[in-house]
Amino acid sequence: MPKYYEDKEEDRQACGGVREDLRQCLLESPCVLQENKSPKQCLREGHCRSLQMTFFACKRSMLDTRARFRGRKGY
């Protein structure tokens, strides 16, 4: 689930909110905490899949010229 922080500084990068949520999801997953694997390995195994797909869609929409009219995917 997305996490919004009021006192957190705003990330000016594109897809910054999705990136931060994906990072937090991976770091808090049982794969990293209990099995002591790297977040990269856990991402390859399929943990936090929905956020990964949202992040991919957001990055892909940056290259899409129609995004100028429709806006970026994600949040």
C-alpha atoms as a PDB file:
ATOM      1  CA  MET A   1       0.000   0.000   0.000  1.00  0.00           C
ATOM      2  CA  PRO A   2       1.243   3.525  -0.714  1.00  0.00           C
ATOM      3  CA  LYS A   3       2.501   5.468   2.233  1.00  0.00           C
ATOM      4  CA  TYR A   4       2.158   9.214   2.435  1.00  0.00           C
ATOM      5  CA  TYR A   5       4.190  11.264   4.860  1.00  0.00           C
ATOM      6  CA  GLU A   6       3.342  14.858   5.628  1.00  0.00           C
ATOM      7  CA  ASP A   7       6.708  15.818   7.108  1.00  0.00           C
ATOM      8  CA  LYS A   8       8.715  13.994   4.449  1.00  0.00           C
ATOM      9  CA  GLU A   9      10.462  16.079   1.812  1.00  0.00           C
ATOM     10  CA  GLU A  10       9.000  15.771  -1.656  1.00  0.00           C
ATOM     11  CA  ASP A  11      10.897  13.663  -4.179  1.00  0.00           C
ATOM     12  CA  ARG A  12      11.324  15.693  -7.372  1.00  0.00           C
ATOM     13  CA  GLN A  13      12.227  12.677  -9.495  1.00  0.00           C
ATOM     14  CA  ALA A  14       9.696  11.128 -11.780  1.00  0.00           C
ATOM     15  CA  CYS A  15       7.901   8.176 -10.159  1.00  0.00           C
ATOM     16  CA  GLY A  16       9.560   9.017  -6.839  1.00  0.00           C
ATOM     17  CA  GLY A  17       6.592   7.999  -4.705  1.00  0.00           C
ATOM     18  CA  VAL A  18       6.301   4.583  -6.317  1.00  0.00           C
ATOM     19  CA  ARG A  19      10.065   4.092  -6.073  1.00  0.00           C
ATOM     20  CA  GLU A  20      10.054   4.854  -2.346  1.00  0.00           C
ATOM     21  CA  ASP A  21       7.101   2.538  -1.685  1.00  0.00           C
ATOM     22  CA  LEU A  22       8.759  -0.274  -3.639  1.00  0.00           C
ATOM     23  CA  ARG A  23      11.972   0.210  -1.663  1.00  0.00           C
ATOM     24  CA  GLN A  24      10.102   0.097   1.652  1.00  0.00           C
ATOM     25  CA  CYS A  25       8.093  -2.954   0.611  1.00  0.00           C
ATOM     26  CA  LEU A  26      11.249  -4.853  -0.279  1.00  0.00           C
ATOM     27  CA  LEU A  27      13.093  -3.864   2.895  1.00  0.00           C
ATOM     28  CA  GLU A  28      10.146  -4.908   5.077  1.00  0.00           C
ATOM     29  CA  SER A  29       9.462  -8.184   3.250  1.00  0.00           C
ATOM     30  CA  PRO A  30      10.099 -11.500   5.024  1.00  0.00           C
ATOM     31  CA  CYS A  31      12.481 -12.415   2.225  1.00  0.00           C
ATOM     32  CA  VAL A  32      14.926  -9.699   3.330  1.00  0.00           C
ATOM     33  CA  LEU A  33      14.242  -9.777   7.057  1.00  0.00           C
ATOM     34  CA  GLN A  34      14.098 -13.519   7.725  1.00  0.00           C
ATOM     35  CA  GLU A  35      15.987 -15.122   4.845  1.00  0.00           C
ATOM     36  CA  ASN A  36      18.709 -12.414   4.732  1.00  0.00           C
ATOM     37  CA  LYS A  37      18.590 -12.111   0.945  1.00  0.00           C
ATOM     38  CA  SER A  38      19.312  -8.914  -0.913  1.00  0.00           C
ATOM     39  CA  PRO A  39      16.360  -6.809  -2.079  1.00  0.00           C
ATOM     40  CA  LYS A  40      17.441  -7.449  -5.662  1.00  0.00           C
ATOM     41  CA  GLN A  41      17.131 -11.211  -5.177  1.00  0.00           C
ATOM     42  CA  CYS A  42      13.721 -10.822  -3.545  1.00  0.00           C
ATOM     43  CA  LEU A  43      12.533  -8.661  -6.431  1.00  0.00           C
ATOM     44  CA  ARG A  44      13.582 -11.363  -8.887  1.00  0.00           C
ATOM     45  CA  GLU A  45      11.669 -13.962  -6.847  1.00  0.00           C
ATOM     46  CA  GLY A  46       8.472 -11.959  -7.235  1.00  0.00           C
ATOM     47  CA  HIS A  47       8.022 -10.122  -3.939  1.00  0.00           C
ATOM     48  CA  CYS A  48       6.166  -6.764  -4.090  1.00  0.00           C
ATOM     49  CA  ARG A  49       5.003  -7.587  -7.602  1.00  0.00           C
ATOM     50  CA  SER A  50       2.183  -5.045  -7.788  1.00  0.00           C
ATOM     51  CA  LEU A  51       4.445  -2.138  -6.864  1.00  0.00           C
ATOM     52  CA  GLN A  52       7.038  -3.355  -9.327  1.00  0.00           C
ATOM     53  CA  MET A  53       4.469  -3.348 -12.122  1.00  0.00           C
ATOM     54  CA  THR A  54       3.245   0.128 -11.110  1.00  0.00           C
ATOM     55  CA  PHE A  55       6.818   1.428 -11.126  1.00  0.00           C
ATOM     56  CA  PHE A  56       7.398  -0.107 -14.560  1.00  0.00           C
ATOM     57  CA  ALA A  57       4.212   1.475 -15.909  1.00  0.00           C
ATOM     58  CA  CYS A  58       5.236   4.851 -14.524  1.00  0.00           C
ATOM     59  CA  LYS A  59       8.695   4.681 -16.076  1.00  0.00           C
ATOM     60  CA  ARG A  60       7.228   3.492 -19.364  1.00  0.00           C
ATOM     61  CA  SER A  61       4.733   6.348 -19.429  1.00  0.00           C
ATOM     62  CA  MET A  62       7.645   8.793 -19.329  1.00  0.00           C
ATOM     63  CA  LEU A  63       8.673   7.621 -22.799  1.00  0.00           C
ATOM     64  CA  ASP A  64       5.140   7.578 -24.160  1.00  0.00           C
ATOM     65  CA  THR A  65       4.391  10.784 -26.046  1.00  0.00           C
ATOM     66  CA  ARG A  66       0.692  10.409 -25.275  1.00  0.00           C
ATOM     67  CA  ALA A  67       1.530  10.898 -21.584  1.00  0.00           C
ATOM     68  CA  ARG A  68       1.713  14.625 -22.229  1.00  0.00           C
ATOM     69  CA  PHE A  69      -2.059  14.589 -22.561  1.00  0.00           C
ATOM     70  CA  ARG A  70      -3.006  11.722 -20.268  1.00  0.00           C
ATOM     71  CA  GLY A  71      -0.549  12.288 -17.455  1.00  0.00           C
ATOM     72  CA  ARG A  72       1.888   9.850 -15.894  1.00  0.00           C
ATOM     73  CA  LYS A  73       0.778   6.472 -14.644  1.00  0.00           C
ATOM     74  CA  GLY A  74       1.237   5.740 -10.983  1.00  0.00           C
ATOM     75  CA  TYR A  75       1.260   8.463  -8.371  1.00  0.00           C
END
